[in-house]
């Protein structure tokens, strides 16, 4: 029965793949056109898109938050911080940055000190050549937490952030009170991993070394066409969210570096097969959208954790926070505030 429940979500996923294949062909066509234009246009005249992206100022968090940076593992990590109480670290995923949590920050910050970083590779965080395996990315966050003086945190991660959050909890379990894994899955953890990887064509495209050059300068077209592929609610992002997410990936090296998160999946899979041998003991909330991860995330999480509860976000695809903000906020607070 559990397998049968998974297939409607998988079939919906496969249908969206065809849309993205067409999108990929469009990108390739754009690259071809750009190459021809470069042969006849002076270099100085080919930079307006980059200049326009650079001219957009980073978004600001609510008034009780501030921007900050820290040097961890030899790189700069940008984050926003605010609120009061025990620390709650929020880790974003692909196609978004720290600003994906902006709608939740006012209420969450009444109960917790919120720390929302930009992962290495995007936004105002550094974009080194390597270190995009999730164990290393988790160590970035762990070092940041240590610098801020916290010994124990609550933790939530969405999409790629789910993978980073798991790697954090698996490596530093004594320092995690509770963890929420939100609408994604863990590389290498079967049977779901192979099923989704085989259907999610973009996993391969993002991991392809040439993909960064294909998308560079076309971040707006890329993201606005990609978001609906894994979403369900039409136009879930506000104009401000759309602008900020595009800006965060249009900064120099942004999309190219973020794609390396996917390029590290094979290594992540090998790491996870070792990490899962010792199951997580802290309470874990498996939060999935009705039209994607709710079909499998609870059972998937039980393969790596002992104490799993479930939250199914009604009417939502992959972009949980934007597609059903009210329920995500309610369920996160209920989980993290429960004794």
C-alpha atoms as a PDB file:
ATOM      1  CA  UNK A   1       0.000   0.000   0.000  1.00  0.00           C
ATOM      2  CA  UNK A   2       2.803   2.429   0.838  1.00  0.00           C
ATOM      3  CA  UNK A   3       4.366   1.762  -2.572  1.00  0.00           C
ATOM      4  CA  UNK A   4       1.050   2.403  -4.299  1.00  0.00           C
ATOM      5  CA  UNK A   5       0.662   5.681  -2.453  1.00  0.00           C
ATOM      6  CA  UNK A   6       4.039   6.787  -3.751  1.00  0.00           C
ATOM      7  CA  UNK A   7       3.228   6.322  -7.434  1.00  0.00           C
ATOM      8  CA  UNK A   8       0.672   9.159  -7.904  1.00  0.00           C
ATOM      9  CA  UNK A   9       3.292  11.626  -6.710  1.00  0.00           C
ATOM     10  CA  UNK A  10       5.930  10.009  -8.905  1.00  0.00           C
ATOM     11  CA  UNK A  11       3.694  10.096 -11.985  1.00  0.00           C
ATOM     12  CA  UNK A  12       2.950  13.761 -11.379  1.00  0.00           C
ATOM     13  CA  UNK A  13       6.703  14.292 -11.035  1.00  0.00           C
ATOM     14  CA  UNK A  14       7.365  12.537 -14.364  1.00  0.00           C
ATOM     15  CA  UNK A  15       4.782  14.628 -16.201  1.00  0.00           C
ATOM     16  CA  UNK A  16       6.563  17.762 -15.058  1.00  0.00           C
ATOM     17  CA  UNK A  17       9.866  16.362 -16.340  1.00  0.00           C
ATOM     18  CA  UNK A  18       8.650  16.750 -19.921  1.00  0.00           C
ATOM     19  CA  UNK A  19       7.989  20.438 -19.305  1.00  0.00           C
ATOM     20  CA  UNK A  20      11.496  20.868 -17.994  1.00  0.00           C
ATOM     21  CA  UNK A  21      13.002  18.963 -20.933  1.00  0.00           C
ATOM     22  CA  UNK A  22      11.420  21.526 -23.223  1.00  0.00           C
ATOM     23  CA  UNK A  23      12.824  24.240 -20.998  1.00  0.00           C
ATOM     24  CA  UNK A  24      16.286  22.678 -21.276  1.00  0.00           C
ATOM     25  CA  UNK A  25      16.076  22.732 -25.060  1.00  0.00           C
ATOM     26  CA  UNK A  26      15.108  26.396 -24.894  1.00  0.00           C
ATOM     27  CA  UNK A  27      18.185  27.132 -22.799  1.00  0.00           C
ATOM     28  CA  UNK A  28      20.412  25.337 -25.283  1.00  0.00           C
ATOM     29  CA  UNK A  29      18.881  27.410 -28.073  1.00  0.00           C
ATOM     30  CA  UNK A  30      19.565  30.587 -26.105  1.00  0.00           C
ATOM     31  CA  UNK A  31      23.189  29.550 -25.631  1.00  0.00           C
ATOM     32  CA  UNK A  32      23.561  29.011 -29.368  1.00  0.00           C
ATOM     33  CA  UNK A  33      22.049  32.423 -30.083  1.00  0.00           C
ATOM     34  CA  UNK A  34      24.246  34.087 -27.484  1.00  0.00           C
ATOM     35  CA  UNK A  35      27.349  32.497 -28.969  1.00  0.00           C
ATOM     36  CA  UNK A  36      26.500  33.889 -32.412  1.00  0.00           C
ATOM     37  CA  UNK A  37      25.864  37.309 -30.900  1.00  0.00           C
ATOM     38  CA  UNK A  38      29.220  37.222 -29.111  1.00  0.00           C
ATOM     39  CA  UNK A  39      30.971  36.736 -32.447  1.00  0.00           C
ATOM     40  CA  UNK A  40      29.692  40.078 -33.719  1.00  0.00           C
ATOM     41  CA  UNK A  41      29.096  42.145 -30.560  1.00  0.00           C
ATOM     42  CA  UNK A  42      31.876  43.836 -28.587  1.00  0.00           C
ATOM     43  CA  UNK A  43      32.376  42.346 -25.120  1.00  0.00           C
ATOM     44  CA  UNK A  44      31.452  45.613 -23.408  1.00  0.00           C
ATOM     45  CA  UNK A  45      28.000  45.413 -24.961  1.00  0.00           C
ATOM     46  CA  UNK A  46      27.195  41.914 -23.670  1.00  0.00           C
ATOM     47  CA  UNK A  47      27.073  42.742 -19.932  1.00  0.00           C
ATOM     48  CA  UNK A  48      23.780  44.555 -19.263  1.00  0.00           C
ATOM     49  CA  UNK A  49      22.087  41.507 -17.688  1.00  0.00           C
ATOM     50  CA  UNK A  50      24.907  41.035 -15.190  1.00  0.00           C
ATOM     51  CA  UNK A  51      24.998  44.749 -14.413  1.00  0.00           C
ATOM     52  CA  UNK A  52      21.244  44.815 -13.853  1.00  0.00           C
ATOM     53  CA  UNK A  53      21.411  41.865 -11.449  1.00  0.00           C
ATOM     54  CA  UNK A  54      24.295  43.434  -9.561  1.00  0.00           C
ATOM     55  CA  UNK A  55      22.348  46.670  -9.138  1.00  0.00           C
ATOM     56  CA  UNK A  56      19.574  44.979  -7.141  1.00  0.00           C
ATOM     57  CA  UNK A  57      20.160  45.374  -3.411  1.00  0.00           C
ATOM     58  CA  UNK A  58      19.876  42.281  -1.179  1.00  0.00           C
ATOM     59  CA  UNK A  59      16.540  41.903   0.579  1.00  0.00           C
ATOM     60  CA  UNK A  60      16.283  42.833   4.234  1.00  0.00           C
ATOM     61  CA  UNK A  61      14.735  40.706   7.003  1.00  0.00           C
ATOM     62  CA  UNK A  62      12.190  41.979   9.554  1.00  0.00           C
ATOM     63  CA  UNK A  63      13.207  44.875  11.787  1.00  0.00           C
ATOM     64  CA  UNK A  64      14.256  42.670  14.701  1.00  0.00           C
ATOM     65  CA  UNK A  65      16.802  40.851  12.491  1.00  0.00           C
ATOM     66  CA  UNK A  66      20.188  41.838  11.119  1.00  0.00           C
ATOM     67  CA  UNK A  67      22.536  40.712   8.376  1.00  0.00           C
ATOM     68  CA  UNK A  68      25.870  39.271   9.495  1.00  0.00           C
ATOM     69  CA  UNK A  69      28.796  37.230   8.188  1.00  0.00           C
ATOM     70  CA  UNK A  70      31.199  34.742   9.719  1.00  0.00           C
ATOM     71  CA  UNK A  71      34.349  33.060   8.456  1.00  0.00           C
ATOM     72  CA  UNK A  72      33.963  29.292   8.766  1.00  0.00           C
ATOM     73  CA  UNK A  73      36.069  26.536   7.227  1.00  0.00           C
ATOM     74  CA  UNK A  74      38.080  29.269   5.510  1.00  0.00           C
ATOM     75  CA  UNK A  75      35.088  30.828   3.721  1.00  0.00           C
ATOM     76  CA  UNK A  76      32.590  33.600   4.429  1.00  0.00           C
ATOM     77  CA  UNK A  77      29.031  32.572   5.288  1.00  0.00           C
ATOM     78  CA  UNK A  78      26.294  35.195   5.267  1.00  0.00           C
ATOM     79  CA  UNK A  79      23.316  34.816   7.597  1.00  0.00           C
ATOM     80  CA  UNK A  80      20.492  36.765   9.196  1.00  0.00           C
ATOM     81  CA  UNK A  81      19.836  36.526  12.927  1.00  0.00           C
ATOM     82  CA  UNK A  82      17.148  37.784  15.275  1.00  0.00           C
ATOM     83  CA  UNK A  83      14.586  36.904  17.901  1.00  0.00           C
ATOM     84  CA  UNK A  84      14.896  35.533  21.396  1.00  0.00           C
ATOM     85  CA  UNK A  85      15.038  32.150  23.065  1.00  0.00           C
ATOM     86  CA  UNK A  86      16.699  28.872  22.131  1.00  0.00           C
ATOM     87  CA  UNK A  87      18.409  28.848  18.725  1.00  0.00           C
ATOM     88  CA  UNK A  88      16.558  27.553  15.668  1.00  0.00           C
ATOM     89  CA  UNK A  89      18.682  27.239  12.518  1.00  0.00           C
ATOM     90  CA  UNK A  90      16.785  27.361   9.195  1.00  0.00           C
ATOM     91  CA  UNK A  91      18.567  25.973   6.129  1.00  0.00           C
ATOM     92  CA  UNK A  92      17.229  26.851   2.663  1.00  0.00           C
ATOM     93  CA  UNK A  93      17.313  24.799  -0.518  1.00  0.00           C
ATOM     94  CA  UNK A  94      17.909  25.202  -4.239  1.00  0.00           C
ATOM     95  CA  UNK A  95      16.131  27.982  -6.111  1.00  0.00           C
ATOM     96  CA  UNK A  96      15.913  30.063  -2.940  1.00  0.00           C
ATOM     97  CA  UNK A  97      18.185  31.544  -0.271  1.00  0.00           C
ATOM     98  CA  UNK A  98      17.752  32.608   3.381  1.00  0.00           C
ATOM     99  CA  UNK A  99      14.821  34.796   2.254  1.00  0.00           C
ATOM    100  CA  UNK A 100      12.639  31.694   1.742  1.00  0.00           C
ATOM    101  CA  UNK A 101      11.968  31.886   5.505  1.00  0.00           C
ATOM    102  CA  UNK A 102      11.074  35.586   5.557  1.00  0.00           C
ATOM    103  CA  UNK A 103       7.322  35.067   5.989  1.00  0.00           C
ATOM    104  CA  UNK A 104       7.940  32.898   9.059  1.00  0.00           C
ATOM    105  CA  UNK A 105      10.552  35.022  10.805  1.00  0.00           C
ATOM    106  CA  UNK A 106       8.213  37.435  12.658  1.00  0.00           C
ATOM    107  CA  UNK A 107       6.323  34.665  14.453  1.00  0.00           C
ATOM    108  CA  UNK A 108       9.194  32.195  14.890  1.00  0.00           C
ATOM    109  CA  UNK A 109      11.385  34.924  16.370  1.00  0.00           C
ATOM    110  CA  UNK A 110       8.887  35.405  19.217  1.00  0.00           C
ATOM    111  CA  UNK A 111       9.895  31.982  20.488  1.00  0.00           C
ATOM    112  CA  UNK A 112      13.406  31.325  19.170  1.00  0.00           C
ATOM    113  CA  UNK A 113      16.631  33.025  18.207  1.00  0.00           C
ATOM    114  CA  UNK A 114      16.528  32.427  14.474  1.00  0.00           C
ATOM    115  CA  UNK A 115      19.690  31.892  12.429  1.00  0.00           C
ATOM    116  CA  UNK A 116      19.106  31.652   8.664  1.00  0.00           C
ATOM    117  CA  UNK A 117      22.296  31.284   6.606  1.00  0.00           C
ATOM    118  CA  UNK A 118      22.989  31.405   2.904  1.00  0.00           C
ATOM    119  CA  UNK A 119      24.628  28.085   2.039  1.00  0.00           C
ATOM    120  CA  UNK A 120      28.082  28.138   0.503  1.00  0.00           C
ATOM    121  CA  UNK A 121      27.646  28.759  -3.213  1.00  0.00           C
ATOM    122  CA  UNK A 122      24.811  31.293  -3.275  1.00  0.00           C
ATOM    123  CA  UNK A 123      23.887  34.857  -2.368  1.00  0.00           C
ATOM    124  CA  UNK A 124      26.351  36.700  -0.155  1.00  0.00           C
ATOM    125  CA  UNK A 125      28.122  33.546   1.014  1.00  0.00           C
ATOM    126  CA  UNK A 126      31.397  32.579  -0.637  1.00  0.00           C
ATOM    127  CA  UNK A 127      31.511  30.319  -3.677  1.00  0.00           C
ATOM    128  CA  UNK A 128      34.636  28.175  -3.374  1.00  0.00           C
ATOM    129  CA  UNK A 129      35.656  25.561  -5.929  1.00  0.00           C
ATOM    130  CA  UNK A 130      34.811  22.660  -3.642  1.00  0.00           C
ATOM    131  CA  UNK A 131      33.204  21.594  -0.405  1.00  0.00           C
ATOM    132  CA  UNK A 132      29.680  21.034  -1.754  1.00  0.00           C
ATOM    133  CA  UNK A 133      29.174  17.611  -0.218  1.00  0.00           C
ATOM    134  CA  UNK A 134      26.553  17.915   2.486  1.00  0.00           C
ATOM    135  CA  UNK A 135      28.850  16.795   5.313  1.00  0.00           C
ATOM    136  CA  UNK A 136      31.127  19.757   4.586  1.00  0.00           C
ATOM    137  CA  UNK A 137      28.218  22.152   4.141  1.00  0.00           C
ATOM    138  CA  UNK A 138      26.845  20.949   7.490  1.00  0.00           C
ATOM    139  CA  UNK A 139      30.211  21.624   9.079  1.00  0.00           C
ATOM    140  CA  UNK A 140      29.948  25.225   7.804  1.00  0.00           C
ATOM    141  CA  UNK A 141      26.727  25.612   9.778  1.00  0.00           C
ATOM    142  CA  UNK A 142      28.137  23.822  12.819  1.00  0.00           C
ATOM    143  CA  UNK A 143      31.153  26.129  12.934  1.00  0.00           C
ATOM    144  CA  UNK A 144      28.849  29.147  12.587  1.00  0.00           C
ATOM    145  CA  UNK A 145      26.735  27.886  15.500  1.00  0.00           C
ATOM    146  CA  UNK A 146      29.881  27.402  17.599  1.00  0.00           C
ATOM    147  CA  UNK A 147      31.092  30.930  16.815  1.00  0.00           C
ATOM    148  CA  UNK A 148      27.749  32.284  17.966  1.00  0.00           C
ATOM    149  CA  UNK A 149      28.251  30.487  21.261  1.00  0.00           C
ATOM    150  CA  UNK A 150      25.496  27.876  21.023  1.00  0.00           C
ATOM    151  CA  UNK A 151      26.061  24.294  22.128  1.00  0.00           C
ATOM    152  CA  UNK A 152      22.635  22.939  21.192  1.00  0.00           C
ATOM    153  CA  UNK A 153      20.177  23.984  18.477  1.00  0.00           C
ATOM    154  CA  UNK A 154      16.869  23.177  16.867  1.00  0.00           C
ATOM    155  CA  UNK A 155      17.240  22.641  13.139  1.00  0.00           C
ATOM    156  CA  UNK A 156      15.056  22.714  10.015  1.00  0.00           C
ATOM    157  CA  UNK A 157      16.067  22.215   6.398  1.00  0.00           C
ATOM    158  CA  UNK A 158      14.183  22.347   3.107  1.00  0.00           C
ATOM    159  CA  UNK A 159      15.259  20.703  -0.181  1.00  0.00           C
ATOM    160  CA  UNK A 160      19.106  20.780  -0.304  1.00  0.00           C
ATOM    161  CA  UNK A 161      18.825  22.214   3.200  1.00  0.00           C
ATOM    162  CA  UNK A 162      17.125  18.954   4.261  1.00  0.00           C
ATOM    163  CA  UNK A 163      20.240  17.077   3.153  1.00  0.00           C
ATOM    164  CA  UNK A 164      22.514  19.522   4.977  1.00  0.00           C
ATOM    165  CA  UNK A 165      20.356  19.380   8.114  1.00  0.00           C
ATOM    166  CA  UNK A 166      20.483  15.580   8.158  1.00  0.00           C
ATOM    167  CA  UNK A 167      24.270  15.612   7.708  1.00  0.00           C
ATOM    168  CA  UNK A 168      24.491  18.077  10.610  1.00  0.00           C
ATOM    169  CA  UNK A 169      22.339  15.956  12.926  1.00  0.00           C
ATOM    170  CA  UNK A 170      24.111  12.731  11.921  1.00  0.00           C
ATOM    171  CA  UNK A 171      27.541  14.227  12.645  1.00  0.00           C
ATOM    172  CA  UNK A 172      26.704  16.422  15.641  1.00  0.00           C
ATOM    173  CA  UNK A 173      23.697  14.667  17.135  1.00  0.00           C
ATOM    174  CA  UNK A 174      24.435  15.650  20.719  1.00  0.00           C
ATOM    175  CA  UNK A 175      24.077  19.272  19.655  1.00  0.00           C
ATOM    176  CA  UNK A 176      20.611  18.960  18.074  1.00  0.00           C
ATOM    177  CA  UNK A 177      17.462  19.079  20.201  1.00  0.00           C
ATOM    178  CA  UNK A 178      14.938  18.567  17.376  1.00  0.00           C
ATOM    179  CA  UNK A 179      15.105  18.465  13.589  1.00  0.00           C
ATOM    180  CA  UNK A 180      12.545  19.089  10.823  1.00  0.00           C
ATOM    181  CA  UNK A 181      13.184  17.671   7.348  1.00  0.00           C
ATOM    182  CA  UNK A 182      11.104  19.472   4.737  1.00  0.00           C
ATOM    183  CA  UNK A 183      10.052  18.156   1.315  1.00  0.00           C
ATOM    184  CA  UNK A 184      13.047  16.423  -0.188  1.00  0.00           C
ATOM    185  CA  UNK A 185      14.926  13.158   0.260  1.00  0.00           C
ATOM    186  CA  UNK A 186      18.365  11.854   1.145  1.00  0.00           C
ATOM    187  CA  UNK A 187      20.884  10.810  -1.528  1.00  0.00           C
ATOM    188  CA  UNK A 188      21.625   7.109  -1.464  1.00  0.00           C
ATOM    189  CA  UNK A 189      18.763   6.121   0.869  1.00  0.00           C
ATOM    190  CA  UNK A 190      16.663   3.531  -0.946  1.00  0.00           C
ATOM    191  CA  UNK A 191      14.211   2.711  -2.346  1.00  0.00           C
ATOM    192  CA  UNK A 192      12.944   6.256  -2.849  1.00  0.00           C
ATOM    193  CA  UNK A 193      16.252   7.801  -3.913  1.00  0.00           C
ATOM    194  CA  UNK A 194      16.627   5.843  -7.165  1.00  0.00           C
ATOM    195  CA  UNK A 195      12.953   6.331  -8.069  1.00  0.00           C
ATOM    196  CA  UNK A 196      13.082  10.104  -7.715  1.00  0.00           C
ATOM    197  CA  UNK A 197      16.577  10.500  -9.163  1.00  0.00           C
ATOM    198  CA  UNK A 198      15.473   8.563 -12.244  1.00  0.00           C
ATOM    199  CA  UNK A 199      12.497  10.877 -12.737  1.00  0.00           C
ATOM    200  CA  UNK A 200      14.055  14.221 -11.805  1.00  0.00           C
ATOM    201  CA  UNK A 201      15.870  14.986 -15.044  1.00  0.00           C
ATOM    202  CA  UNK A 202      17.186  18.272 -13.633  1.00  0.00           C
ATOM    203  CA  UNK A 203      19.314  16.400 -11.079  1.00  0.00           C
ATOM    204  CA  UNK A 204      21.548  15.388 -13.976  1.00  0.00           C
ATOM    205  CA  UNK A 205      21.368  18.758 -15.716  1.00  0.00           C
ATOM    206  CA  UNK A 206      22.323  20.696 -12.590  1.00  0.00           C
ATOM    207  CA  UNK A 207      25.242  18.320 -11.934  1.00  0.00           C
ATOM    208  CA  UNK A 208      26.559  18.656 -15.495  1.00  0.00           C
ATOM    209  CA  UNK A 209      29.690  20.875 -15.489  1.00  0.00           C
ATOM    210  CA  UNK A 210      28.514  22.871 -18.523  1.00  0.00           C
ATOM    211  CA  UNK A 211      25.151  23.781 -16.998  1.00  0.00           C
ATOM    212  CA  UNK A 212      26.493  26.848 -15.191  1.00  0.00           C
ATOM    213  CA  UNK A 213      27.622  28.406 -18.468  1.00  0.00           C
ATOM    214  CA  UNK A 214      24.270  27.611 -20.071  1.00  0.00           C
ATOM    215  CA  UNK A 215      22.274  29.365 -17.339  1.00  0.00           C
ATOM    216  CA  UNK A 216      24.670  32.250 -16.590  1.00  0.00           C
ATOM    217  CA  UNK A 217      23.032  35.559 -17.485  1.00  0.00           C
ATOM    218  CA  UNK A 218      19.626  33.875 -17.837  1.00  0.00           C
ATOM    219  CA  UNK A 219      18.914  33.251 -14.154  1.00  0.00           C
ATOM    220  CA  UNK A 220      15.505  34.950 -14.334  1.00  0.00           C
ATOM    221  CA  UNK A 221      14.327  32.843 -17.264  1.00  0.00           C
ATOM    222  CA  UNK A 222      15.756  29.716 -15.690  1.00  0.00           C
ATOM    223  CA  UNK A 223      14.281  30.079 -12.209  1.00  0.00           C
ATOM    224  CA  UNK A 224      10.858  31.372 -13.218  1.00  0.00           C
ATOM    225  CA  UNK A 225      10.484  28.382 -15.531  1.00  0.00           C
ATOM    226  CA  UNK A 226      11.911  25.895 -13.035  1.00  0.00           C
ATOM    227  CA  UNK A 227       9.857  26.816  -9.962  1.00  0.00           C
ATOM    228  CA  UNK A 228       6.519  25.577 -11.434  1.00  0.00           C
ATOM    229  CA  UNK A 229       8.079  22.226 -12.378  1.00  0.00           C
ATOM    230  CA  UNK A 230       8.105  21.071  -8.756  1.00  0.00           C
ATOM    231  CA  UNK A 231       5.386  23.355  -7.373  1.00  0.00           C
ATOM    232  CA  UNK A 232       1.620  22.986  -7.268  1.00  0.00           C
ATOM    233  CA  UNK A 233       0.160  26.381  -6.348  1.00  0.00           C
ATOM    234  CA  UNK A 234       0.239  28.865  -9.209  1.00  0.00           C
ATOM    235  CA  UNK A 235       2.573  31.834  -8.654  1.00  0.00           C
ATOM    236  CA  UNK A 236       3.306  31.183  -4.956  1.00  0.00           C
ATOM    237  CA  UNK A 237       6.137  33.727  -4.705  1.00  0.00           C
ATOM    238  CA  UNK A 238       5.601  37.441  -4.158  1.00  0.00           C
ATOM    239  CA  UNK A 239       7.320  39.950  -6.437  1.00  0.00           C
ATOM    240  CA  UNK A 240       9.817  40.652  -3.649  1.00  0.00           C
ATOM    241  CA  UNK A 241      10.605  36.955  -3.196  1.00  0.00           C
ATOM    242  CA  UNK A 242      11.019  36.452  -6.925  1.00  0.00           C
ATOM    243  CA  UNK A 243      13.388  39.401  -7.199  1.00  0.00           C
ATOM    244  CA  UNK A 244      15.512  38.294  -4.240  1.00  0.00           C
ATOM    245  CA  UNK A 245      15.820  34.663  -5.308  1.00  0.00           C
ATOM    246  CA  UNK A 246      16.836  35.655  -8.840  1.00  0.00           C
ATOM    247  CA  UNK A 247      19.353  38.167  -7.464  1.00  0.00           C
ATOM    248  CA  UNK A 248      20.894  35.578  -5.124  1.00  0.00           C
ATOM    249  CA  UNK A 249      21.634  33.241  -8.035  1.00  0.00           C
ATOM    250  CA  UNK A 250      22.612  35.967 -10.507  1.00  0.00           C
ATOM    251  CA  UNK A 251      25.552  37.144  -8.385  1.00  0.00           C
ATOM    252  CA  UNK A 252      28.911  36.159  -9.844  1.00  0.00           C
ATOM    253  CA  UNK A 253      29.306  32.397  -9.564  1.00  0.00           C
ATOM    254  CA  UNK A 254      25.891  31.888  -7.979  1.00  0.00           C
ATOM    255  CA  UNK A 255      24.119  29.403 -10.209  1.00  0.00           C
ATOM    256  CA  UNK A 256      27.339  27.634 -11.215  1.00  0.00           C
ATOM    257  CA  UNK A 257      28.267  27.041  -7.574  1.00  0.00           C
ATOM    258  CA  UNK A 258      24.745  26.088  -6.493  1.00  0.00           C
ATOM    259  CA  UNK A 259      24.654  23.432  -9.205  1.00  0.00           C
ATOM    260  CA  UNK A 260      27.626  21.824  -7.454  1.00  0.00           C
ATOM    261  CA  UNK A 261      25.255  20.898  -4.623  1.00  0.00           C
ATOM    262  CA  UNK A 262      23.801  18.392  -7.111  1.00  0.00           C
ATOM    263  CA  UNK A 263      27.190  17.388  -8.459  1.00  0.00           C
ATOM    264  CA  UNK A 264      28.051  16.110  -4.980  1.00  0.00           C
ATOM    265  CA  UNK A 265      25.068  13.734  -4.755  1.00  0.00           C
ATOM    266  CA  UNK A 266      27.141  10.614  -5.477  1.00  0.00           C
ATOM    267  CA  UNK A 267      29.486  11.442  -2.608  1.00  0.00           C
ATOM    268  CA  UNK A 268      26.524  12.347  -0.401  1.00  0.00           C
ATOM    269  CA  UNK A 269      25.007   8.940  -1.116  1.00  0.00           C
ATOM    270  CA  UNK A 270      28.177   7.178  -0.035  1.00  0.00           C
ATOM    271  CA  UNK A 271      28.372   9.318   3.098  1.00  0.00           C
ATOM    272  CA  UNK A 272      24.720   8.738   3.983  1.00  0.00           C
ATOM    273  CA  UNK A 273      25.067   4.965   3.789  1.00  0.00           C
ATOM    274  CA  UNK A 274      27.655   5.265   6.538  1.00  0.00           C
ATOM    275  CA  UNK A 275      25.824   7.916   8.564  1.00  0.00           C
ATOM    276  CA  UNK A 276      22.531   5.982   8.560  1.00  0.00           C
ATOM    277  CA  UNK A 277      24.133   3.079  10.404  1.00  0.00           C
ATOM    278  CA  UNK A 278      23.624   5.133  13.556  1.00  0.00           C
ATOM    279  CA  UNK A 279      20.016   6.326  13.579  1.00  0.00           C
ATOM    280  CA  UNK A 280      19.143   9.810  14.785  1.00  0.00           C
ATOM    281  CA  UNK A 281      17.673   9.765  18.274  1.00  0.00           C
ATOM    282  CA  UNK A 282      16.279  13.303  18.586  1.00  0.00           C
ATOM    283  CA  UNK A 283      12.633  13.968  17.576  1.00  0.00           C
ATOM    284  CA  UNK A 284      12.316  14.395  13.796  1.00  0.00           C
ATOM    285  CA  UNK A 285       9.444  16.032  11.918  1.00  0.00           C
ATOM    286  CA  UNK A 286       8.986  14.797   8.342  1.00  0.00           C
ATOM    287  CA  UNK A 287       7.153  17.630   6.576  1.00  0.00           C
ATOM    288  CA  UNK A 288       6.081  16.975   3.004  1.00  0.00           C
ATOM    289  CA  UNK A 289       3.864  18.708   0.497  1.00  0.00           C
ATOM    290  CA  UNK A 290       0.654  16.894  -0.442  1.00  0.00           C
ATOM    291  CA  UNK A 291       1.736  16.841  -4.080  1.00  0.00           C
ATOM    292  CA  UNK A 292       5.259  15.564  -3.552  1.00  0.00           C
ATOM    293  CA  UNK A 293       7.190  14.435  -0.500  1.00  0.00           C
ATOM    294  CA  UNK A 294       4.218  13.681   1.759  1.00  0.00           C
ATOM    295  CA  UNK A 295       3.905  10.451  -0.223  1.00  0.00           C
ATOM    296  CA  UNK A 296       7.178   9.069   1.092  1.00  0.00           C
ATOM    297  CA  UNK A 297       9.068  11.337   3.509  1.00  0.00           C
ATOM    298  CA  UNK A 298       7.839   9.805   6.781  1.00  0.00           C
ATOM    299  CA  UNK A 299       8.881   6.273   5.821  1.00  0.00           C
ATOM    300  CA  UNK A 300      12.053   7.581   4.210  1.00  0.00           C
ATOM    301  CA  UNK A 301      12.975   9.384   7.433  1.00  0.00           C
ATOM    302  CA  UNK A 302      12.325   6.272   9.525  1.00  0.00           C
ATOM    303  CA  UNK A 303      15.243   4.623   7.738  1.00  0.00           C
ATOM    304  CA  UNK A 304      17.623   7.123   9.358  1.00  0.00           C
ATOM    305  CA  UNK A 305      15.830   8.169  12.573  1.00  0.00           C
ATOM    306  CA  UNK A 306      14.103   6.501  15.527  1.00  0.00           C
ATOM    307  CA  UNK A 307      11.585   9.145  16.585  1.00  0.00           C
ATOM    308  CA  UNK A 308       9.671  10.373  13.516  1.00  0.00           C
ATOM    309  CA  UNK A 309       6.404  12.291  13.334  1.00  0.00           C
ATOM    310  CA  UNK A 310       4.705  13.573  10.206  1.00  0.00           C
ATOM    311  CA  UNK A 311       3.280  16.800   8.815  1.00  0.00           C
ATOM    312  CA  UNK A 312       1.441  16.721   5.474  1.00  0.00           C
ATOM    313  CA  UNK A 313       1.127  20.219   4.029  1.00  0.00           C
ATOM    314  CA  UNK A 314      -2.264  20.418   2.339  1.00  0.00           C
ATOM    315  CA  UNK A 315      -2.506  21.690  -1.208  1.00  0.00           C
ATOM    316  CA  UNK A 316       1.238  22.205  -1.488  1.00  0.00           C
ATOM    317  CA  UNK A 317       3.874  21.152  -3.922  1.00  0.00           C
ATOM    318  CA  UNK A 318       7.572  21.496  -3.191  1.00  0.00           C
ATOM    319  CA  UNK A 319       7.656  25.187  -2.137  1.00  0.00           C
ATOM    320  CA  UNK A 320       6.000  24.554   1.209  1.00  0.00           C
ATOM    321  CA  UNK A 321       6.682  27.853   2.921  1.00  0.00           C
ATOM    322  CA  UNK A 322       5.158  29.872   0.096  1.00  0.00           C
ATOM    323  CA  UNK A 323       2.435  27.440  -1.010  1.00  0.00           C
ATOM    324  CA  UNK A 324       0.856  27.004   2.432  1.00  0.00           C
ATOM    325  CA  UNK A 325       2.552  29.443   4.795  1.00  0.00           C
ATOM    326  CA  UNK A 326      -0.055  29.160   7.549  1.00  0.00           C
ATOM    327  CA  UNK A 327       0.142  25.395   7.989  1.00  0.00           C
ATOM    328  CA  UNK A 328       3.940  25.287   7.745  1.00  0.00           C
ATOM    329  CA  UNK A 329       4.215  27.923  10.472  1.00  0.00           C
ATOM    330  CA  UNK A 330       1.622  26.213  12.656  1.00  0.00           C
ATOM    331  CA  UNK A 331       3.181  22.767  12.345  1.00  0.00           C
ATOM    332  CA  UNK A 332       6.767  23.949  12.843  1.00  0.00           C
ATOM    333  CA  UNK A 333       5.822  25.852  15.991  1.00  0.00           C
ATOM    334  CA  UNK A 334       3.811  22.925  17.357  1.00  0.00           C
ATOM    335  CA  UNK A 335       6.765  20.610  16.828  1.00  0.00           C
ATOM    336  CA  UNK A 336       9.571  22.811  18.122  1.00  0.00           C
ATOM    337  CA  UNK A 337       7.585  24.140  21.108  1.00  0.00           C
ATOM    338  CA  UNK A 338       6.285  20.769  22.271  1.00  0.00           C
ATOM    339  CA  UNK A 339       7.874  19.265  25.372  1.00  0.00           C
END
